[in-house]
Amino acid sequence: MEVFEKGTVVLSAKYLSEIVKKSPDVIHVKLNENQSVTIKSNEIVMNLNGMHSGEYPKSSPNRWSWLF
């Protein structure tokens, strides 16, 4: 994974995992200013609405937390 700029956003794990499973190739993820995320893989372009990470409850230390 190559990170060009750090950022955080909360996304639906259900939708994100389905996109990753079905993507035919390398995935490029871009965090937009309005807390949405653009995901590109080959000619496929998808947009997911996210939530500001500061508005989401913190997970317990025993759980995995994925921030993009």
PDB file of N, CA and C in Angstrom:
ATOM      1  N   MET A   1       0.851  -1.156   0.000  1.00  0.00           N
ATOM      2  CA  MET A   1       0.000   0.000   0.000  1.00  0.00           C
ATOM      3  C   MET A   1       0.903   1.227   0.000  1.00  0.00           C
ATOM      4  N   GLU A   2       0.531   2.199  -0.793  1.00  0.00           N
ATOM      5  CA  GLU A   2       1.262   3.460  -0.871  1.00  0.00           C
ATOM      6  C   GLU A   2       0.326   4.581  -0.455  1.00  0.00           C
ATOM      7  N   VAL A   3       0.723   5.365   0.531  1.00  0.00           N
ATOM      8  CA  VAL A   3      -0.092   6.460   1.045  1.00  0.00           C
ATOM      9  C   VAL A   3       0.543   7.776   0.602  1.00  0.00           C
ATOM     10  N   PHE A   4      -0.244   8.608  -0.073  1.00  0.00           N
ATOM     11  CA  PHE A   4       0.240   9.905  -0.531  1.00  0.00           C
ATOM     12  C   PHE A   4      -0.052  10.999   0.487  1.00  0.00           C
ATOM     13  N   GLU A   5      -1.168  10.884   1.181  1.00  0.00           N
ATOM     14  CA  GLU A   5      -1.550  11.858   2.194  1.00  0.00           C
ATOM     15  C   GLU A   5      -2.448  11.160   3.207  1.00  0.00           C
ATOM     16  N   LYS A   6      -2.175  11.369   4.480  1.00  0.00           N
ATOM     17  CA  LYS A   6      -2.978  10.738   5.522  1.00  0.00           C
ATOM     18  C   LYS A   6      -4.319  11.438   5.668  1.00  0.00           C
ATOM     19  N   GLY A   7      -5.324  10.659   6.032  1.00  0.00           N
ATOM     20  CA  GLY A   7      -6.653  11.188   6.291  1.00  0.00           C
ATOM     21  C   GLY A   7      -7.460  10.133   7.017  1.00  0.00           C
ATOM     22  N   THR A   8      -8.556  10.530   7.628  1.00  0.00           N
ATOM     23  CA  THR A   8      -9.414   9.576   8.318  1.00  0.00           C
ATOM     24  C   THR A   8     -10.861   9.776   7.899  1.00  0.00           C
ATOM     25  N   VAL A   9     -11.575   8.674   7.820  1.00  0.00           N
ATOM     26  CA  VAL A   9     -12.993   8.680   7.508  1.00  0.00           C
ATOM     27  C   VAL A   9     -13.557   7.340   7.974  1.00  0.00           C
ATOM     28  N   VAL A  10     -14.812   7.319   8.363  1.00  0.00           N
ATOM     29  CA  VAL A  10     -15.483   6.076   8.744  1.00  0.00           C
ATOM     30  C   VAL A  10     -16.366   5.659   7.572  1.00  0.00           C
ATOM     31  N   LEU A  11     -16.174   4.412   7.107  1.00  0.00           N
ATOM     32  CA  LEU A  11     -16.944   3.870   5.989  1.00  0.00           C
ATOM     33  C   LEU A  11     -17.699   2.627   6.428  1.00  0.00           C
ATOM     34  N   SER A  12     -18.721   2.288   5.695  1.00  0.00           N
ATOM     35  CA  SER A  12     -19.465   1.061   5.943  1.00  0.00           C
ATOM     36  C   SER A  12     -18.570  -0.132   5.609  1.00  0.00           C
ATOM     37  N   ALA A  13     -18.302  -0.961   6.594  1.00  0.00           N
ATOM     38  CA  ALA A  13     -17.466  -2.140   6.380  1.00  0.00           C
ATOM     39  C   ALA A  13     -18.116  -3.098   5.384  1.00  0.00           C
ATOM     40  N   LYS A  14     -19.428  -3.171   5.410  1.00  0.00           N
ATOM     41  CA  LYS A  14     -20.161  -4.055   4.499  1.00  0.00           C
ATOM     42  C   LYS A  14     -19.897  -3.678   3.048  1.00  0.00           C
ATOM     43  N   TYR A  15     -20.085  -2.416   2.713  1.00  0.00           N
ATOM     44  CA  TYR A  15     -19.895  -1.968   1.335  1.00  0.00           C
ATOM     45  C   TYR A  15     -18.429  -2.038   0.928  1.00  0.00           C
ATOM     46  N   LEU A  16     -17.540  -1.599   1.805  1.00  0.00           N
ATOM     47  CA  LEU A  16     -16.116  -1.595   1.471  1.00  0.00           C
ATOM     48  C   LEU A  16     -15.599  -3.011   1.236  1.00  0.00           C
ATOM     49  N   SER A  17     -15.991  -3.958   2.075  1.00  0.00           N
ATOM     50  CA  SER A  17     -15.519  -5.336   1.897  1.00  0.00           C
ATOM     51  C   SER A  17     -16.048  -5.953   0.604  1.00  0.00           C
ATOM     52  N   GLU A  18     -17.283  -5.653   0.225  1.00  0.00           N
ATOM     53  CA  GLU A  18     -17.833  -6.157  -1.034  1.00  0.00           C
ATOM     54  C   GLU A  18     -17.080  -5.579  -2.233  1.00  0.00           C
ATOM     55  N   ILE A  19     -16.756  -4.302  -2.168  1.00  0.00           N
ATOM     56  CA  ILE A  19     -16.011  -3.670  -3.260  1.00  0.00           C
ATOM     57  C   ILE A  19     -14.634  -4.310  -3.393  1.00  0.00           C
ATOM     58  N   VAL A  20     -13.953  -4.503  -2.288  1.00  0.00           N
ATOM     59  CA  VAL A  20     -12.609  -5.091  -2.318  1.00  0.00           C
ATOM     60  C   VAL A  20     -12.672  -6.523  -2.854  1.00  0.00           C
ATOM     61  N   LYS A  21     -13.655  -7.291  -2.411  1.00  0.00           N
ATOM     62  CA  LYS A  21     -13.797  -8.678  -2.874  1.00  0.00           C
ATOM     63  C   LYS A  21     -14.009  -8.768  -4.377  1.00  0.00           C
ATOM     64  N   LYS A  22     -14.803  -7.863  -4.927  1.00  0.00           N
ATOM     65  CA  LYS A  22     -15.199  -7.950  -6.324  1.00  0.00           C
ATOM     66  C   LYS A  22     -14.307  -7.151  -7.279  1.00  0.00           C
ATOM     67  N   SER A  23     -13.347  -6.419  -6.752  1.00  0.00           N
ATOM     68  CA  SER A  23     -12.490  -5.599  -7.607  1.00  0.00           C
ATOM     69  C   SER A  23     -11.516  -6.484  -8.381  1.00  0.00           C
ATOM     70  N   PRO A  24     -11.418  -6.244  -9.687  1.00  0.00           N
ATOM     71  CA  PRO A  24     -10.591  -7.102 -10.525  1.00  0.00           C
ATOM     72  C   PRO A  24      -9.082  -6.830 -10.426  1.00  0.00           C
ATOM     73  N   ASP A  25      -8.696  -5.699  -9.878  1.00  0.00           N
ATOM     74  CA  ASP A  25      -7.280  -5.331  -9.920  1.00  0.00           C
ATOM     75  C   ASP A  25      -6.937  -4.442  -8.724  1.00  0.00           C
ATOM     76  N   VAL A  26      -5.901  -3.676  -8.865  1.00  0.00           N
ATOM     77  CA  VAL A  26      -5.439  -2.755  -7.828  1.00  0.00           C
ATOM     78  C   VAL A  26      -6.531  -1.730  -7.530  1.00  0.00           C
ATOM     79  N   ILE A  27      -6.656  -1.366  -6.275  1.00  0.00           N
ATOM     80  CA  ILE A  27      -7.673  -0.405  -5.845  1.00  0.00           C
ATOM     81  C   ILE A  27      -6.995   0.895  -5.420  1.00  0.00           C
ATOM     82  N   HIS A  28      -7.507   1.997  -5.911  1.00  0.00           N
ATOM     83  CA  HIS A  28      -7.041   3.329  -5.522  1.00  0.00           C
ATOM     84  C   HIS A  28      -8.159   3.990  -4.723  1.00  0.00           C
ATOM     85  N   VAL A  29      -7.824   4.491  -3.542  1.00  0.00           N
ATOM     86  CA  VAL A  29      -8.810   5.106  -2.661  1.00  0.00           C
ATOM     87  C   VAL A  29      -8.432   6.566  -2.454  1.00  0.00           C
ATOM     88  N   LYS A  30      -9.405   7.456  -2.655  1.00  0.00           N
ATOM     89  CA  LYS A  30      -9.171   8.889  -2.459  1.00  0.00           C
ATOM     90  C   LYS A  30     -10.227   9.443  -1.509  1.00  0.00           C
ATOM     91  N   LEU A  31      -9.776  10.083  -0.437  1.00  0.00           N
ATOM     92  CA  LEU A  31     -10.672  10.742   0.500  1.00  0.00           C
ATOM     93  C   LEU A  31     -10.947  12.149  -0.010  1.00  0.00           C
ATOM     94  N   ASN A  32     -12.219  12.448  -0.239  1.00  0.00           N
ATOM     95  CA  ASN A  32     -12.616  13.766  -0.738  1.00  0.00           C
ATOM     96  C   ASN A  32     -12.905  14.701   0.429  1.00  0.00           C
ATOM     97  N   GLU A  33     -12.992  15.985   0.152  1.00  0.00           N
ATOM     98  CA  GLU A  33     -13.186  16.989   1.202  1.00  0.00           C
ATOM     99  C   GLU A  33     -14.519  16.848   1.926  1.00  0.00           C
ATOM    100  N   ASN A  34     -15.524  16.308   1.295  1.00  0.00           N
ATOM    101  CA  ASN A  34     -16.859  16.217   1.902  1.00  0.00           C
ATOM    102  C   ASN A  34     -17.084  14.892   2.625  1.00  0.00           C
ATOM    103  N   GLN A  35     -16.007  14.228   3.044  1.00  0.00           N
ATOM    104  CA  GLN A  35     -16.037  12.946   3.756  1.00  0.00           C
ATOM    105  C   GLN A  35     -16.556  11.799   2.898  1.00  0.00           C
ATOM    106  N   SER A  36     -16.550  11.969   1.587  1.00  0.00           N
ATOM    107  CA  SER A  36     -16.860  10.849   0.705  1.00  0.00           C
ATOM    108  C   SER A  36     -15.540  10.251   0.225  1.00  0.00           C
ATOM    109  N   VAL A  37     -15.602   9.037  -0.271  1.00  0.00           N
ATOM    110  CA  VAL A  37     -14.416   8.341  -0.743  1.00  0.00           C
ATOM    111  C   VAL A  37     -14.665   7.887  -2.174  1.00  0.00           C
ATOM    112  N   THR A  38     -13.703   8.110  -3.049  1.00  0.00           N
ATOM    113  CA  THR A  38     -13.754   7.619  -4.417  1.00  0.00           C
ATOM    114  C   THR A  38     -12.837   6.414  -4.502  1.00  0.00           C
ATOM    115  N   ILE A  39     -13.377   5.304  -5.000  1.00  0.00           N
ATOM    116  CA  ILE A  39     -12.612   4.073  -5.147  1.00  0.00           C
ATOM    117  C   ILE A  39     -12.559   3.734  -6.629  1.00  0.00           C
ATOM    118  N   LYS A  40     -11.332   3.539  -7.142  1.00  0.00           N
ATOM    119  CA  LYS A  40     -11.155   3.224  -8.558  1.00  0.00           C
ATOM    120  C   LYS A  40     -10.401   1.910  -8.691  1.00  0.00           C
ATOM    121  N   SER A  41     -10.833   1.105  -9.651  1.00  0.00           N
ATOM    122  CA  SER A  41     -10.155  -0.134 -10.004  1.00  0.00           C
ATOM    123  C   SER A  41     -10.382  -0.343 -11.496  1.00  0.00           C
ATOM    124  N   ASN A  42      -9.301  -0.254 -12.265  1.00  0.00           N
ATOM    125  CA  ASN A  42      -9.398  -0.287 -13.728  1.00  0.00           C
ATOM    126  C   ASN A  42     -10.366   0.787 -14.194  1.00  0.00           C
ATOM    127  N   GLU A  43     -11.426   0.397 -14.895  1.00  0.00           N
ATOM    128  CA  GLU A  43     -12.396   1.369 -15.402  1.00  0.00           C
ATOM    129  C   GLU A  43     -13.575   1.582 -14.465  1.00  0.00           C
ATOM    130  N   ILE A  44     -13.582   0.899 -13.338  1.00  0.00           N
ATOM    131  CA  ILE A  44     -14.679   0.996 -12.385  1.00  0.00           C
ATOM    132  C   ILE A  44     -14.408   2.138 -11.413  1.00  0.00           C
ATOM    133  N   VAL A  45     -15.392   3.012 -11.216  1.00  0.00           N
ATOM    134  CA  VAL A  45     -15.279   4.123 -10.273  1.00  0.00           C
ATOM    135  C   VAL A  45     -16.511   4.097  -9.371  1.00  0.00           C
ATOM    136  N   MET A  46     -16.277   4.077  -8.067  1.00  0.00           N
ATOM    137  CA  MET A  46     -17.380   4.048  -7.096  1.00  0.00           C
ATOM    138  C   MET A  46     -17.177   5.150  -6.077  1.00  0.00           C
ATOM    139  N   ASN A  47     -18.272   5.660  -5.546  1.00  0.00           N
ATOM    140  CA  ASN A  47     -18.221   6.661  -4.493  1.00  0.00           C
ATOM    141  C   ASN A  47     -18.989   6.149  -3.284  1.00  0.00           C
ATOM    142  N   LEU A  48     -18.380   6.286  -2.113  1.00  0.00           N
ATOM    143  CA  LEU A  48     -19.040   5.927  -0.858  1.00  0.00           C
ATOM    144  C   LEU A  48     -19.105   7.167   0.017  1.00  0.00           C
ATOM    145  N   ASN A  49     -20.243   7.374   0.652  1.00  0.00           N
ATOM    146  CA  ASN A  49     -20.361   8.453   1.617  1.00  0.00           C
ATOM    147  C   ASN A  49     -19.802   7.964   2.943  1.00  0.00           C
ATOM    148  N   GLY A  50     -19.004   8.788   3.562  1.00  0.00           N
ATOM    149  CA  GLY A  50     -18.423   8.441   4.841  1.00  0.00           C
ATOM    150  C   GLY A  50     -18.911   9.367   5.929  1.00  0.00           C
ATOM    151  N   MET A  51     -18.370   9.154   7.112  1.00  0.00           N
ATOM    152  CA  MET A  51     -18.694   9.985   8.257  1.00  0.00           C
ATOM    153  C   MET A  51     -17.372  10.462   8.853  1.00  0.00           C
ATOM    154  N   HIS A  52     -17.346  11.696   9.315  1.00  0.00           N
ATOM    155  CA  HIS A  52     -16.145  12.230   9.942  1.00  0.00           C
ATOM    156  C   HIS A  52     -15.757  11.332  11.113  1.00  0.00           C
ATOM    157  N   SER A  53     -14.506  10.946  11.190  1.00  0.00           N
ATOM    158  CA  SER A  53     -14.076   9.997  12.227  1.00  0.00           C
ATOM    159  C   SER A  53     -14.273  10.538  13.641  1.00  0.00           C
ATOM    160  N   GLY A  54     -14.256  11.843  13.820  1.00  0.00           N
ATOM    161  CA  GLY A  54     -14.475  12.435  15.132  1.00  0.00           C
ATOM    162  C   GLY A  54     -15.907  12.308  15.624  1.00  0.00           C
ATOM    163  N   GLU A  55     -16.842  12.058  14.706  1.00  0.00           N
ATOM    164  CA  GLU A  55     -18.252  11.912  15.064  1.00  0.00           C
ATOM    165  C   GLU A  55     -18.630  10.463  15.349  1.00  0.00           C
ATOM    166  N   TYR A  56     -17.707   9.549  15.154  1.00  0.00           N
ATOM    167  CA  TYR A  56     -17.982   8.128  15.340  1.00  0.00           C
ATOM    168  C   TYR A  56     -17.473   7.686  16.706  1.00  0.00           C
ATOM    169  N   PRO A  57     -18.234   6.876  17.421  1.00  0.00           N
ATOM    170  CA  PRO A  57     -17.767   6.423  18.741  1.00  0.00           C
ATOM    171  C   PRO A  57     -16.476   5.624  18.636  1.00  0.00           C
ATOM    172  N   LYS A  58     -15.600   5.823  19.578  1.00  0.00           N
ATOM    173  CA  LYS A  58     -14.336   5.084  19.610  1.00  0.00           C
ATOM    174  C   LYS A  58     -14.624   3.615  19.872  1.00  0.00           C
ATOM    175  N   SER A  59     -13.866   2.734  19.210  1.00  0.00           N
ATOM    176  CA  SER A  59     -14.036   1.299  19.448  1.00  0.00           C
ATOM    177  C   SER A  59     -13.236   0.900  20.683  1.00  0.00           C
ATOM    178  N   SER A  60     -13.591  -0.229  21.237  1.00  0.00           N
ATOM    179  CA  SER A  60     -12.856  -0.713  22.404  1.00  0.00           C
ATOM    180  C   SER A  60     -11.457  -1.133  21.966  1.00  0.00           C
ATOM    181  N   PRO A  61     -10.477  -1.148  22.862  1.00  0.00           N
ATOM    182  CA  PRO A  61      -9.107  -1.487  22.483  1.00  0.00           C
ATOM    183  C   PRO A  61      -8.958  -2.921  21.978  1.00  0.00           C
ATOM    184  N   ASN A  62      -9.941  -3.774  22.226  1.00  0.00           N
ATOM    185  CA  ASN A  62      -9.852  -5.166  21.805  1.00  0.00           C
ATOM    186  C   ASN A  62     -10.377  -5.396  20.390  1.00  0.00           C
ATOM    187  N   ARG A  63     -10.874  -4.349  19.717  1.00  0.00           N
ATOM    188  CA  ARG A  63     -11.432  -4.500  18.378  1.00  0.00           C
ATOM    189  C   ARG A  63     -10.521  -3.845  17.351  1.00  0.00           C
ATOM    190  N   TRP A  64     -10.606  -4.354  16.120  1.00  0.00           N
ATOM    191  CA  TRP A  64      -9.841  -3.761  15.034  1.00  0.00           C
ATOM    192  C   TRP A  64     -10.530  -2.484  14.577  1.00  0.00           C
ATOM    193  N   SER A  65      -9.747  -1.496  14.228  1.00  0.00           N
ATOM    194  CA  SER A  65     -10.277  -0.228  13.752  1.00  0.00           C
ATOM    195  C   SER A  65      -9.533   0.137  12.471  1.00  0.00           C
ATOM    196  N   TRP A  66     -10.263   0.326  11.382  1.00  0.00           N
ATOM    197  CA  TRP A  66      -9.640   0.659  10.102  1.00  0.00           C
ATOM    198  C   TRP A  66      -9.986   2.104   9.755  1.00  0.00           C
ATOM    199  N   LEU A  67      -8.986   2.910   9.603  1.00  0.00           N
ATOM    200  CA  LEU A  67      -9.169   4.311   9.226  1.00  0.00           C
ATOM    201  C   LEU A  67      -8.431   4.572   7.932  1.00  0.00           C
ATOM    202  N   PHE A  68      -9.087   5.241   6.971  1.00  0.00           N
ATOM    203  CA  PHE A  68      -8.461   5.631   5.713  1.00  0.00           C
ATOM    204  C   PHE A  68      -8.393   7.122   5.655  1.00  0.00           C
TER     205      PHE A  68
END
